[in-house]
Every structure is written in structure tokens, then in C-alpha cells.
Amino acid sequence: MTLTVTSRGGVPIRLTDERWAHIVEEHAELAGMREGVMRAVLEAECVLAGGAGELIGVLTLEAGRALVVVYREVSPDDGFILTAFLSSQLAKLYRRRQLWP
């Protein structure tokens, strides 16, 4: 099953079963958080620039801890999630260029 949400940039972003399996294989703590990962794209508190054209959506879960989703907007009509992880290193993350808001 492929889930799709609209990014803050207005682009449909998809998460395939294959990609989700890869994410939870590398980040087992995200098992059961598929909807949360999608919400982090849809309702990102901020969108940061990645190092190679990707976008980084950040959604705070609790003080000092955030769900981070890395995705690409390929065209105005298509995008996909690359990976997701939990982070408590928010100061390091926020050194990146902010694209939204």
C-alpha cells in the first residue's frame, strides 16, 4: 500500500511499502509510526534544505525530540520519502537553511 500526503510545498509525497520496510529496518523505533511519518510531511513545523536537493520535514514530538522525514519533490506532481528518523540533536538540525515557513 502506498500512502500519499501533500507537502508544505503543495507536492504529493508518497511512501511505498518497500521504502517503509527499509525505514523500519534501519530505524526500528519507528515501527508503528507510519502515520506519524506522513504527518511530519503534511504538518511539518519547518522544512529544511538537505545536502543534495532533498527536503527535511521536522515535527516536534516532545520537548527536545523530533520526527525527521527526508523527502524529494521530483516535480510539481510527484515526490517520495527517502528516510525518516527520530532526533534529539535539534540544534545541529536547525543549522540547515530553512525553506519553510
N, C-alpha and C. Protein backbone atom coordinates (compact mmCIF):
# COMPACT_ATOMS: atom_id res chain seq x y z
N MET A 1 0.85 -1.18 0.00
CA MET A 1 0.00 0.00 0.00
C MET A 1 0.90 1.24 0.00
N THR A 2 0.58 2.16 -0.85
CA THR A 2 1.30 3.43 -0.91
C THR A 2 0.44 4.52 -0.28
N LEU A 3 1.02 5.23 0.67
CA LEU A 3 0.35 6.37 1.29
C LEU A 3 0.86 7.64 0.63
N THR A 4 -0.01 8.63 0.50
CA THR A 4 0.37 9.91 -0.11
C THR A 4 -0.22 11.05 0.71
N VAL A 5 0.61 12.07 0.94
CA VAL A 5 0.17 13.32 1.57
C VAL A 5 0.74 14.47 0.76
N THR A 6 0.24 15.66 1.02
CA THR A 6 0.72 16.85 0.32
C THR A 6 1.72 17.58 1.21
N SER A 7 2.88 17.88 0.65
CA SER A 7 3.93 18.58 1.40
C SER A 7 3.55 20.04 1.60
N ARG A 8 4.33 20.73 2.41
CA ARG A 8 4.12 22.17 2.61
C ARG A 8 4.32 22.92 1.30
N GLY A 9 5.05 22.33 0.35
CA GLY A 9 5.26 22.94 -0.96
C GLY A 9 4.15 22.63 -1.95
N GLY A 10 3.13 21.89 -1.51
CA GLY A 10 2.00 21.58 -2.37
C GLY A 10 2.21 20.40 -3.30
N VAL A 11 3.22 19.58 -3.03
CA VAL A 11 3.54 18.44 -3.89
C VAL A 11 3.08 17.14 -3.21
N PRO A 12 2.42 16.24 -3.96
CA PRO A 12 2.06 14.94 -3.39
C PRO A 12 3.34 14.14 -3.11
N ILE A 13 3.47 13.67 -1.87
CA ILE A 13 4.64 12.90 -1.45
C ILE A 13 4.16 11.51 -1.07
N ARG A 14 4.80 10.49 -1.64
CA ARG A 14 4.35 9.11 -1.43
C ARG A 14 5.35 8.33 -0.57
N LEU A 15 4.80 7.34 0.12
CA LEU A 15 5.60 6.40 0.90
C LEU A 15 5.13 5.00 0.53
N THR A 16 6.01 4.25 -0.13
CA THR A 16 5.67 2.89 -0.57
C THR A 16 5.98 1.88 0.54
N ASP A 17 5.40 0.71 0.41
CA ASP A 17 5.67 -0.37 1.37
C ASP A 17 7.16 -0.72 1.38
N GLU A 18 7.78 -0.74 0.22
CA GLU A 18 9.21 -1.06 0.11
C GLU A 18 10.04 -0.06 0.89
N ARG A 19 9.74 1.21 0.71
CA ARG A 19 10.51 2.26 1.40
C ARG A 19 10.26 2.21 2.90
N TRP A 20 8.98 1.95 3.29
CA TRP A 20 8.66 1.85 4.71
C TRP A 20 9.42 0.69 5.35
N ALA A 21 9.49 -0.44 4.67
CA ALA A 21 10.24 -1.60 5.19
C ALA A 21 11.71 -1.23 5.40
N HIS A 22 12.28 -0.49 4.47
CA HIS A 22 13.67 -0.05 4.59
C HIS A 22 13.84 0.88 5.79
N ILE A 23 12.91 1.80 5.98
CA ILE A 23 12.99 2.76 7.09
C ILE A 23 12.96 2.03 8.43
N VAL A 24 11.99 1.13 8.64
CA VAL A 24 11.89 0.46 9.94
C VAL A 24 13.00 -0.57 10.14
N GLU A 25 13.59 -1.05 9.06
CA GLU A 25 14.75 -1.94 9.18
C GLU A 25 15.93 -1.18 9.77
N GLU A 26 16.11 0.05 9.34
CA GLU A 26 17.22 0.89 9.82
C GLU A 26 16.88 1.62 11.11
N HIS A 27 15.60 1.91 11.33
CA HIS A 27 15.16 2.69 12.49
C HIS A 27 13.96 1.99 13.12
N ALA A 28 14.22 0.90 13.81
CA ALA A 28 13.16 0.06 14.38
C ALA A 28 12.25 0.83 15.34
N GLU A 29 12.75 1.90 15.93
CA GLU A 29 11.94 2.69 16.86
C GLU A 29 10.75 3.35 16.17
N LEU A 30 10.75 3.39 14.84
CA LEU A 30 9.65 3.99 14.09
C LEU A 30 8.53 2.99 13.76
N ALA A 31 8.73 1.72 14.05
CA ALA A 31 7.69 0.73 13.78
C ALA A 31 6.40 1.18 14.45
N GLY A 32 5.31 1.17 13.72
CA GLY A 32 4.04 1.62 14.24
C GLY A 32 3.82 3.12 14.10
N MET A 33 4.77 3.82 13.50
CA MET A 33 4.66 5.28 13.37
C MET A 33 4.51 5.72 11.91
N ARG A 34 4.02 4.85 11.06
CA ARG A 34 3.89 5.20 9.63
C ARG A 34 3.01 6.43 9.43
N GLU A 35 1.90 6.49 10.13
CA GLU A 35 1.01 7.65 10.01
C GLU A 35 1.71 8.91 10.53
N GLY A 36 2.49 8.77 11.58
CA GLY A 36 3.24 9.90 12.11
C GLY A 36 4.26 10.43 11.12
N VAL A 37 4.90 9.52 10.40
CA VAL A 37 5.87 9.92 9.37
C VAL A 37 5.16 10.73 8.28
N MET A 38 4.00 10.27 7.88
CA MET A 38 3.24 11.00 6.87
C MET A 38 2.81 12.37 7.41
N ARG A 39 2.43 12.41 8.68
CA ARG A 39 2.02 13.67 9.30
C ARG A 39 3.19 14.65 9.36
N ALA A 40 4.41 14.14 9.52
CA ALA A 40 5.58 15.01 9.58
C ALA A 40 5.85 15.70 8.25
N VAL A 41 5.36 15.14 7.16
CA VAL A 41 5.45 15.81 5.85
C VAL A 41 4.28 16.78 5.71
N LEU A 42 3.10 16.31 6.01
CA LEU A 42 1.87 17.10 5.86
C LEU A 42 1.85 18.32 6.78
N GLU A 43 2.25 18.14 8.03
CA GLU A 43 2.15 19.18 9.04
C GLU A 43 3.51 19.64 9.56
N ALA A 44 4.55 19.52 8.75
CA ALA A 44 5.90 19.89 9.20
C ALA A 44 5.90 21.28 9.82
N GLU A 45 6.55 21.40 10.97
CA GLU A 45 6.69 22.71 11.62
C GLU A 45 7.66 23.59 10.86
N CYS A 46 8.63 22.93 10.24
CA CYS A 46 9.54 23.64 9.35
C CYS A 46 10.08 22.66 8.34
N VAL A 47 10.51 23.19 7.20
CA VAL A 47 11.13 22.40 6.15
C VAL A 47 12.53 22.97 5.94
N LEU A 48 13.51 22.09 6.02
CA LEU A 48 14.91 22.49 5.89
C LEU A 48 15.49 21.94 4.61
N ALA A 49 16.59 22.56 4.16
CA ALA A 49 17.27 22.09 2.95
C ALA A 49 18.21 20.95 3.30
N GLY A 50 18.18 19.91 2.49
CA GLY A 50 19.13 18.81 2.63
C GLY A 50 20.40 19.14 1.86
N GLY A 51 21.35 18.23 1.90
CA GLY A 51 22.63 18.47 1.25
C GLY A 51 22.67 18.21 -0.24
N ALA A 52 21.69 17.46 -0.76
CA ALA A 52 21.72 17.08 -2.17
C ALA A 52 20.36 17.28 -2.83
N GLY A 53 19.67 18.38 -2.47
CA GLY A 53 18.39 18.68 -3.09
C GLY A 53 17.18 18.11 -2.39
N GLU A 54 17.40 17.30 -1.39
CA GLU A 54 16.26 16.75 -0.66
C GLU A 54 15.74 17.78 0.34
N LEU A 55 14.54 17.55 0.82
CA LEU A 55 13.90 18.41 1.80
C LEU A 55 13.79 17.64 3.11
N ILE A 56 13.80 18.36 4.22
CA ILE A 56 13.74 17.74 5.53
C ILE A 56 12.58 18.34 6.30
N GLY A 57 11.57 17.53 6.55
CA GLY A 57 10.42 17.96 7.34
C GLY A 57 10.65 17.60 8.80
N VAL A 58 10.37 18.54 9.69
CA VAL A 58 10.58 18.34 11.13
C VAL A 58 9.27 18.54 11.87
N LEU A 59 8.95 17.59 12.73
CA LEU A 59 7.75 17.66 13.56
C LEU A 59 8.14 17.30 14.98
N THR A 60 8.00 18.26 15.90
CA THR A 60 8.36 18.03 17.30
C THR A 60 7.37 17.06 17.93
N LEU A 61 7.90 16.04 18.61
CA LEU A 61 7.06 15.07 19.30
C LEU A 61 6.93 15.44 20.77
N GLU A 62 8.02 15.89 21.36
CA GLU A 62 8.07 16.33 22.75
C GLU A 62 9.26 17.26 22.87
N ALA A 63 9.36 17.97 23.97
CA ALA A 63 10.46 18.93 24.12
C ALA A 63 11.81 18.26 23.89
N GLY A 64 12.56 18.79 22.93
CA GLY A 64 13.89 18.28 22.65
C GLY A 64 13.96 17.04 21.78
N ARG A 65 12.84 16.61 21.22
CA ARG A 65 12.82 15.40 20.39
C ARG A 65 11.87 15.59 19.21
N ALA A 66 12.35 15.24 18.02
CA ALA A 66 11.54 15.46 16.82
C ALA A 66 11.58 14.26 15.89
N LEU A 67 10.53 14.15 15.09
CA LEU A 67 10.48 13.20 13.99
C LEU A 67 10.96 13.94 12.76
N VAL A 68 11.94 13.37 12.09
CA VAL A 68 12.57 14.00 10.93
C VAL A 68 12.31 13.12 9.71
N VAL A 69 11.78 13.71 8.64
CA VAL A 69 11.49 12.97 7.42
C VAL A 69 12.22 13.64 6.26
N VAL A 70 13.00 12.84 5.55
CA VAL A 70 13.76 13.33 4.40
C VAL A 70 13.02 12.87 3.14
N TYR A 71 12.73 13.84 2.26
CA TYR A 71 11.96 13.51 1.06
C TYR A 71 12.41 14.36 -0.12
N ARG A 72 11.98 13.96 -1.30
CA ARG A 72 12.27 14.70 -2.53
C ARG A 72 10.99 15.10 -3.22
N GLU A 73 11.00 16.30 -3.75
CA GLU A 73 9.93 16.76 -4.64
C GLU A 73 10.51 16.71 -6.05
N VAL A 74 10.13 15.69 -6.81
CA VAL A 74 10.69 15.44 -8.14
C VAL A 74 10.12 16.40 -9.17
N SER A 75 8.83 16.66 -9.05
CA SER A 75 8.12 17.57 -9.96
C SER A 75 6.98 18.18 -9.17
N PRO A 76 6.25 19.11 -9.77
CA PRO A 76 5.10 19.68 -9.05
C PRO A 76 4.01 18.65 -8.73
N ASP A 77 4.08 17.48 -9.38
CA ASP A 77 3.05 16.46 -9.20
C ASP A 77 3.55 15.18 -8.56
N ASP A 78 4.81 15.14 -8.12
CA ASP A 78 5.34 13.87 -7.60
C ASP A 78 6.52 14.09 -6.67
N GLY A 79 6.52 13.29 -5.61
CA GLY A 79 7.63 13.28 -4.67
C GLY A 79 7.58 12.00 -3.86
N PHE A 80 8.64 11.72 -3.12
CA PHE A 80 8.69 10.49 -2.35
C PHE A 80 9.57 10.65 -1.12
N ILE A 81 9.30 9.82 -0.12
CA ILE A 81 10.06 9.83 1.12
C ILE A 81 11.29 8.95 0.94
N LEU A 82 12.43 9.47 1.37
CA LEU A 82 13.68 8.73 1.34
C LEU A 82 13.92 7.98 2.64
N THR A 83 13.80 8.68 3.76
CA THR A 83 14.01 8.06 5.06
C THR A 83 13.36 8.91 6.13
N ALA A 84 13.34 8.36 7.34
CA ALA A 84 12.80 9.07 8.50
C ALA A 84 13.53 8.56 9.73
N PHE A 85 13.60 9.42 10.74
CA PHE A 85 14.27 9.03 11.99
C PHE A 85 13.86 9.98 13.10
N LEU A 86 14.13 9.57 14.32
CA LEU A 86 13.92 10.42 15.48
C LEU A 86 15.23 11.10 15.81
N SER A 87 15.16 12.35 16.26
CA SER A 87 16.38 13.08 16.59
C SER A 87 16.18 13.93 17.83
N SER A 88 17.23 13.96 18.64
CA SER A 88 17.25 14.89 19.78
C SER A 88 18.33 15.94 19.56
N GLN A 89 19.00 15.88 18.43
CA GLN A 89 20.05 16.84 18.08
C GLN A 89 19.46 17.98 17.25
N LEU A 90 18.52 18.67 17.85
CA LEU A 90 17.78 19.69 17.11
C LEU A 90 18.63 20.91 16.77
N ALA A 91 19.55 21.29 17.64
CA ALA A 91 20.40 22.46 17.36
C ALA A 91 21.21 22.21 16.09
N LYS A 92 21.74 21.02 15.95
CA LYS A 92 22.50 20.66 14.75
C LYS A 92 21.60 20.67 13.52
N LEU A 93 20.43 20.15 13.66
CA LEU A 93 19.47 20.09 12.55
C LEU A 93 19.09 21.49 12.09
N TYR A 94 18.83 22.38 13.04
CA TYR A 94 18.37 23.72 12.70
C TYR A 94 19.46 24.65 12.18
N ARG A 95 20.68 24.13 12.04
CA ARG A 95 21.73 24.93 11.38
C ARG A 95 21.55 24.93 9.86
N ARG A 96 20.74 24.04 9.39
CA ARG A 96 20.47 23.97 7.94
C ARG A 96 19.61 25.16 7.52
N ARG A 97 19.65 25.44 6.23
CA ARG A 97 18.86 26.55 5.68
C ARG A 97 17.36 26.20 5.77
N GLN A 98 16.59 27.11 6.32
CA GLN A 98 15.16 26.90 6.46
C GLN A 98 14.46 27.35 5.18
N LEU A 99 13.64 26.45 4.62
CA LEU A 99 12.92 26.73 3.38
C LEU A 99 11.46 27.11 3.62
N TRP A 100 10.90 26.61 4.71
CA TRP A 100 9.51 26.90 5.07
C TRP A 100 9.39 26.92 6.57
N PRO A 101 8.67 27.73 7.24
CA PRO A 101 7.97 28.87 6.69
C PRO A 101 8.93 30.00 6.35
